[in-house]
Amino acid sequence: MTSSQNPVFTCLHYIAVAGALLASVFVVNNFLTYVFETPGLFGTMASIGLPLGEASADYSAGKLAFGWLQSLSFLVALIYPVMLLRQYDIGRDIKILDGGASFIVASAFWSVMLIGIVDAAISFVRIEGLLPAIVGDDLALSLGKPAFRGVYVHIPLLALGFIIAAFRKGIDFIWLAALIVFGELLIVITRFIFSYEQAFMGDLVRFWYASLFLFASAYTLIHDGHVRVDVLYAGFSEKAQNRTNMIGSILLGLPLCWIVLFRGLWSESSPFNLALLNFEVTQQGFGMYVKYLMSGFLVIFALSMIFQFSSFILSEMNKLVSEKSA
């Protein structure tokens, strides 16, 4: 019996693929809605009288048309998995989900590495009073504003990170870990030998360490690299372990990730949106301006883990199907 003949496995297959697509659509449309002030799903539905959100008279015809495209994207995320199931290929779907998680994490990795280096360099020359001599008084003053640095420095570097991830295969967590060690070593040397320490140095290490911890979660999940204490699981049969992994992913893993996304991105005043849209920074004026990006780390974590949990479900399901076939 294949999973396409088993209604339970077919349902789980659909949930896994559709859940990953819906999460992607939800995150993308969240930023389109609150950054570019488009209607989104709720605003579009409210514009035709459905009580799903607050309609706004400020939406132009063009924005309402774009809002319908946003709403259609949610429908596509629900229908497209049905088309995939009709051409059943569980190996293909596992590769798609793994590839999606890898691209998300790789893009975030390169973006964080580039932003960390550039923002730390700007903070260093700024605190040493060298920035006006390098870029001029006006631009030096603008680079001291979080919104300006976020729009004209961080966002281009984010785009560059996505471009690199599209062409660069693999995820180089080893280099990010090496940079964290180098950053900590630099702090120790400058503090205890040269008696020199600035706020941006600690910000850089925290920025990179948080990204390493959260971005590597999906990678270590698929490679079974998380630290675990097995009391009962280790004694289970292989079939029982497969079922336990599937049930745990469905009842614990995926709901946790969706709660993170919903709580953080549900409205404009939700914590992730509030930090990202206002370019929230620390109270230390000469530190790095990356605190708002660290809120985005949790979005990357939840989205990549949804992809990886979905792939995990299909992988364990495939093992059960193969065992039944044997």
Protein backbone atom coordinates (compact mmCIF):
# COMPACT_ATOMS: atom_id res chain seq x y z
CA MET A 1 0.00 0.00 0.00
CA THR A 2 1.42 3.42 -0.96
CA SER A 3 0.70 6.62 0.89
CA SER A 4 -1.48 7.72 -2.02
CA GLN A 5 -3.75 4.76 -1.21
CA ASN A 6 -3.70 5.38 2.54
CA PRO A 7 -6.06 8.26 3.44
CA VAL A 8 -4.20 9.03 6.67
CA PHE A 9 -0.83 9.29 4.92
CA THR A 10 -2.40 11.28 2.08
CA CYS A 11 -3.82 13.75 4.61
CA LEU A 12 -0.45 14.06 6.37
CA HIS A 13 1.27 14.54 3.03
CA TYR A 14 -1.11 17.38 2.16
CA ILE A 15 -0.73 19.00 5.59
CA ALA A 16 3.06 18.93 5.31
CA VAL A 17 3.28 20.51 1.85
CA ALA A 18 0.38 22.95 2.24
CA GLY A 19 1.60 24.05 5.67
CA ALA A 20 5.03 24.98 4.31
CA LEU A 21 3.54 26.90 1.39
CA LEU A 22 1.02 28.70 3.61
CA ALA A 23 3.77 29.74 6.00
CA SER A 24 5.79 31.20 3.13
CA VAL A 25 2.78 33.06 1.75
CA PHE A 26 1.86 34.34 5.21
CA VAL A 27 5.34 35.75 5.89
CA VAL A 28 5.74 37.34 2.44
CA ASN A 29 2.29 38.91 2.51
CA ASN A 30 2.86 40.17 6.04
CA PHE A 31 5.74 42.35 4.92
CA LEU A 32 3.97 43.41 1.72
CA THR A 33 1.00 44.50 3.81
CA TYR A 34 2.81 46.45 6.50
CA VAL A 35 5.82 47.74 4.57
CA PHE A 36 4.08 48.78 1.35
CA GLU A 37 0.65 49.30 2.98
CA THR A 38 -1.20 46.89 0.70
CA PRO A 39 -4.62 45.53 1.77
CA GLY A 40 -3.55 41.94 2.35
CA LEU A 41 -6.08 39.15 2.77
CA PHE A 42 -8.09 40.73 5.58
CA GLY A 43 -8.16 44.20 4.05
CA THR A 44 -9.25 42.82 0.68
CA MET A 45 -12.03 40.73 2.20
CA ALA A 46 -13.16 43.69 4.30
CA SER A 47 -13.37 45.83 1.16
CA ILE A 48 -16.15 43.57 -0.18
CA GLY A 49 -18.02 43.52 3.12
CA LEU A 50 -16.67 40.37 4.75
CA PRO A 51 -15.98 41.04 8.46
CA LEU A 52 -12.39 39.77 8.45
CA GLY A 53 -10.61 43.06 8.92
CA GLU A 54 -10.87 46.82 8.79
CA ALA A 55 -11.54 48.27 5.38
CA SER A 56 -9.70 51.46 4.51
CA ALA A 57 -10.85 54.19 2.12
CA ASP A 58 -7.22 54.99 1.40
CA TYR A 59 -6.70 51.90 -0.77
CA SER A 60 -6.43 52.85 -4.41
CA ALA A 61 -7.70 50.64 -7.22
CA GLY A 62 -4.14 49.50 -7.88
CA LYS A 63 -3.59 48.47 -4.27
CA LEU A 64 -6.93 46.67 -4.14
CA ALA A 65 -5.98 44.75 -7.28
CA PHE A 66 -2.69 43.81 -5.62
CA GLY A 67 -4.67 42.83 -2.52
CA TRP A 68 -6.64 40.35 -4.62
CA LEU A 69 -3.35 38.87 -5.82
CA GLN A 70 -2.28 38.54 -2.18
CA SER A 71 -5.54 36.79 -1.35
CA LEU A 72 -5.18 34.52 -4.39
CA SER A 73 -1.72 33.47 -3.20
CA PHE A 74 -3.29 31.89 -0.08
CA LEU A 75 -5.70 29.96 -2.31
CA VAL A 76 -2.82 28.77 -4.51
CA ALA A 77 -0.98 27.54 -1.40
CA LEU A 78 -3.98 25.36 -0.59
CA ILE A 79 -4.66 24.07 -4.12
CA TYR A 80 -1.15 23.49 -5.46
CA PRO A 81 -0.39 20.64 -2.98
CA VAL A 82 -3.44 18.80 -4.34
CA MET A 83 -1.84 18.91 -7.81
CA LEU A 84 1.41 17.58 -6.36
CA LEU A 85 -0.42 14.71 -4.68
CA ARG A 86 -2.06 13.72 -7.96
CA GLN A 87 1.44 13.17 -9.34
CA TYR A 88 2.59 11.38 -6.24
CA ASP A 89 6.35 11.56 -5.70
CA ILE A 90 7.26 11.73 -2.03
CA GLY A 91 10.98 11.90 -2.78
CA ARG A 92 10.44 14.97 -4.95
CA ASP A 93 8.40 16.70 -2.25
CA ILE A 94 11.03 15.96 0.40
CA LYS A 95 13.66 17.53 -1.86
CA ILE A 96 11.46 20.58 -2.43
CA LEU A 97 10.93 21.12 1.29
CA ASP A 98 14.59 20.52 2.12
CA GLY A 99 15.60 22.89 -0.65
CA GLY A 100 13.20 25.54 0.61
CA ALA A 101 14.57 25.31 4.15
CA SER A 102 18.16 25.39 2.84
CA PHE A 103 17.51 28.49 0.73
CA ILE A 104 15.83 30.34 3.59
CA VAL A 105 18.65 29.57 6.01
CA ALA A 106 21.43 30.19 3.48
CA SER A 107 19.96 33.58 2.53
CA ALA A 108 19.68 34.56 6.18
CA PHE A 109 23.21 33.31 6.89
CA TRP A 110 24.87 35.35 4.15
CA SER A 111 22.76 38.41 4.97
CA VAL A 112 23.68 38.26 8.65
CA MET A 113 27.37 37.80 7.93
CA LEU A 114 27.50 40.75 5.50
CA ILE A 115 25.38 43.04 7.69
CA GLY A 116 27.43 42.20 10.77
CA ILE A 117 30.73 43.08 9.10
CA VAL A 118 29.50 46.28 7.44
CA ASP A 119 27.47 47.58 10.39
CA ALA A 120 30.31 46.89 12.83
CA ALA A 121 32.71 48.77 10.54
CA ILE A 122 30.36 51.75 10.37
CA SER A 123 29.92 51.75 14.15
CA PHE A 124 33.70 51.59 14.68
CA VAL A 125 34.59 54.53 12.42
CA ARG A 126 31.61 56.48 13.78
CA ILE A 127 32.60 56.09 17.43
CA GLU A 128 36.20 57.00 16.60
CA GLY A 129 35.02 60.17 14.83
CA LEU A 130 36.35 59.08 11.44
CA LEU A 131 33.01 58.73 9.62
CA PRO A 132 32.64 62.42 8.54
CA ALA A 133 36.09 62.36 6.98
CA ILE A 134 35.19 59.23 5.00
CA VAL A 135 31.65 59.94 3.78
CA GLY A 136 31.05 63.60 4.61
CA ASP A 137 29.15 65.33 7.39
CA ASP A 138 25.65 64.90 5.95
CA LEU A 139 25.93 61.18 5.21
CA ALA A 140 27.69 60.59 8.54
CA LEU A 141 24.74 62.22 10.32
CA SER A 142 22.27 60.12 8.32
CA LEU A 143 24.13 56.89 9.12
CA GLY A 144 23.53 57.64 12.78
CA LYS A 145 19.78 57.23 12.18
CA PRO A 146 18.47 53.65 12.48
CA ALA A 147 15.89 53.99 9.69
CA PHE A 148 18.43 55.39 7.22
CA ARG A 149 21.00 52.70 7.97
CA GLY A 150 18.33 50.01 7.80
CA VAL A 151 16.94 51.11 4.42
CA TYR A 152 20.14 52.08 2.62
CA VAL A 153 22.67 49.68 4.18
CA HIS A 154 20.92 46.64 5.64
CA ILE A 155 18.23 46.05 3.00
CA PRO A 156 20.71 46.08 0.04
CA LEU A 157 22.91 43.65 1.96
CA LEU A 158 19.86 41.45 2.61
CA ALA A 159 19.18 41.40 -1.14
CA LEU A 160 22.83 40.54 -1.80
CA GLY A 161 22.58 37.69 0.71
CA PHE A 162 19.60 36.24 -1.17
CA ILE A 163 21.47 36.51 -4.47
CA ILE A 164 24.52 34.72 -3.06
CA ALA A 165 22.31 31.97 -1.59
CA ALA A 166 20.69 31.44 -5.01
CA PHE A 167 24.06 30.62 -6.58
CA ARG A 168 26.06 29.29 -3.63
CA LYS A 169 25.20 25.69 -2.78
CA GLY A 170 25.48 24.59 0.84
CA ILE A 171 25.38 26.38 4.18
CA ASP A 172 28.66 27.46 5.75
CA PHE A 173 27.78 27.44 9.44
CA ILE A 174 31.39 26.61 10.20
CA TRP A 175 32.44 30.07 9.01
CA LEU A 176 29.82 31.82 11.12
CA ALA A 177 30.98 29.86 14.16
CA ALA A 178 34.58 30.81 13.36
CA LEU A 179 33.60 34.49 13.13
CA ILE A 180 31.93 34.29 16.55
CA VAL A 181 35.08 32.80 18.07
CA PHE A 182 37.19 35.47 16.36
CA GLY A 183 34.87 38.21 17.65
CA GLU A 184 35.08 36.94 21.22
CA LEU A 185 38.86 36.61 20.95
CA LEU A 186 39.11 40.17 19.68
CA ILE A 187 37.08 41.43 22.64
CA VAL A 188 39.37 39.61 25.09
CA ILE A 189 42.55 40.92 23.44
CA THR A 190 41.39 44.52 23.14
CA ARG A 191 39.93 44.60 26.67
CA PHE A 192 42.72 43.00 28.66
CA ILE A 193 45.74 44.03 26.58
CA PHE A 194 44.78 47.40 25.12
CA SER A 195 42.02 48.35 27.61
CA TYR A 196 39.72 49.11 24.68
CA GLU A 197 36.11 47.95 24.38
CA GLN A 198 33.08 49.42 22.64
CA ALA A 199 29.38 48.50 22.65
CA PHE A 200 29.34 47.43 19.01
CA MET A 201 31.82 44.62 19.71
CA GLY A 202 29.48 42.83 22.09
CA ASP A 203 26.54 43.58 19.78
CA LEU A 204 28.32 41.88 16.89
CA VAL A 205 29.00 38.68 18.84
CA ARG A 206 25.41 38.52 20.11
CA PHE A 207 24.09 39.22 16.61
CA TRP A 208 26.07 36.38 15.07
CA TYR A 209 25.56 33.96 17.95
CA ALA A 210 21.77 34.41 17.90
CA SER A 211 21.72 33.79 14.16
CA LEU A 212 23.89 30.67 14.48
CA PHE A 213 21.65 29.24 17.21
CA LEU A 214 18.37 29.90 15.40
CA PHE A 215 19.36 29.34 11.78
CA ALA A 216 21.13 26.04 12.47
CA SER A 217 18.07 24.53 14.18
CA ALA A 218 16.50 23.30 10.95
CA TYR A 219 19.84 21.97 9.68
CA THR A 220 20.55 20.01 12.86
CA LEU A 221 16.97 18.67 12.92
CA ILE A 222 17.28 16.88 9.60
CA HIS A 223 20.73 15.55 10.55
CA ASP A 224 19.53 14.47 14.02
CA GLY A 225 22.15 16.70 15.61
CA HIS A 226 20.11 18.19 18.44
CA VAL A 227 21.11 17.29 21.99
CA ARG A 228 18.56 14.80 23.30
CA VAL A 229 18.04 12.72 26.42
CA ASP A 230 16.25 9.51 25.41
CA VAL A 231 14.47 7.75 28.24
CA LEU A 232 11.85 5.83 26.29
CA TYR A 233 12.56 6.64 22.64
CA ALA A 234 15.87 4.77 22.44
CA GLY A 235 14.13 1.53 23.37
CA PHE A 236 11.41 1.82 20.71
CA SER A 237 11.39 -0.26 17.56
CA GLU A 238 12.25 1.50 14.32
CA LYS A 239 8.59 1.67 13.34
CA ALA A 240 7.63 3.12 16.74
CA GLN A 241 10.42 5.72 16.41
CA ASN A 242 9.12 6.73 12.97
CA ARG A 243 5.60 7.14 14.31
CA THR A 244 6.85 9.04 17.35
CA ASN A 245 8.78 11.44 15.11
CA MET A 246 5.70 12.02 12.94
CA ILE A 247 3.35 12.55 15.88
CA GLY A 248 5.82 14.82 17.66
CA SER A 249 6.31 16.94 14.54
CA ILE A 250 2.56 17.27 13.97
CA LEU A 251 1.44 17.87 17.57
CA LEU A 252 4.45 19.75 18.97
CA GLY A 253 6.84 20.96 16.27
CA LEU A 254 4.54 22.54 13.68
CA PRO A 255 2.12 24.15 16.20
CA LEU A 256 5.05 25.77 18.04
CA CYS A 257 6.35 27.31 14.81
CA TRP A 258 2.91 28.56 13.79
CA ILE A 259 2.39 30.12 17.23
CA VAL A 260 5.69 31.98 16.83
CA LEU A 261 4.60 33.32 13.43
CA PHE A 262 1.05 34.21 14.47
CA ARG A 263 2.04 35.88 17.74
CA GLY A 264 4.88 37.77 16.12
CA LEU A 265 3.33 38.81 12.80
CA TRP A 266 -0.45 38.82 13.22
CA SER A 267 -0.89 42.60 13.26
CA GLU A 268 1.13 45.78 12.86
CA SER A 269 1.52 46.04 16.64
CA SER A 270 2.73 42.44 17.03
CA PRO A 271 6.23 42.24 18.54
CA PHE A 272 8.15 41.19 15.41
CA ASN A 273 6.38 43.68 13.15
CA LEU A 274 6.74 46.45 15.71
CA ALA A 275 10.50 45.95 15.96
CA LEU A 276 11.09 45.45 12.23
CA LEU A 277 8.92 48.31 11.00
CA ASN A 278 10.39 50.81 13.48
CA PHE A 279 14.03 49.70 13.06
CA GLU A 280 14.29 49.14 16.81
CA VAL A 281 17.82 49.56 18.20
CA THR A 282 19.47 49.32 21.60
CA GLN A 283 19.71 52.29 23.94
CA GLN A 284 23.46 52.52 23.32
CA GLY A 285 23.77 55.17 20.64
CA PHE A 286 27.12 53.98 19.30
CA GLY A 287 26.33 50.28 19.20
CA MET A 288 25.22 48.33 16.15
CA TYR A 289 21.79 49.07 14.70
CA VAL A 290 20.73 45.45 14.29
CA LYS A 291 18.41 44.75 17.21
CA TYR A 292 15.33 44.86 14.96
CA LEU A 293 16.90 42.22 12.71
CA MET A 294 17.23 39.88 15.68
CA SER A 295 13.43 39.88 15.92
CA GLY A 296 13.45 38.73 12.31
CA PHE A 297 15.69 35.82 13.33
CA LEU A 298 12.67 34.23 15.02
CA VAL A 299 10.69 34.54 11.78
CA ILE A 300 13.48 32.76 9.89
CA PHE A 301 13.65 30.14 12.64
CA ALA A 302 9.91 29.41 12.57
CA LEU A 303 9.67 29.39 8.77
CA SER A 304 12.70 27.16 8.20
CA MET A 305 11.58 24.78 10.95
CA ILE A 306 8.11 24.49 9.38
CA PHE A 307 9.76 23.43 6.12
CA GLN A 308 12.04 21.02 7.91
CA PHE A 309 9.34 19.53 10.16
CA SER A 310 7.21 19.02 7.04
CA SER A 311 10.10 17.29 5.29
CA PHE A 312 10.70 15.25 8.45
CA ILE A 313 7.08 14.06 8.45
CA LEU A 314 7.30 12.97 4.81
CA SER A 315 10.65 11.26 5.40
CA GLU A 316 9.34 9.25 8.36
CA MET A 317 6.15 8.46 6.46
CA ASN A 318 8.20 7.23 3.52
CA LYS A 319 10.12 4.88 5.82
CA LEU A 320 6.85 3.39 7.09
CA VAL A 321 5.55 2.98 3.55
CA SER A 322 8.79 1.30 2.44
CA GLU A 323 8.63 -1.06 5.41
CA LYS A 324 5.04 -2.03 4.60
CA SER A 325 5.94 -2.58 0.97
CA ALA A 326 8.86 -4.80 1.99
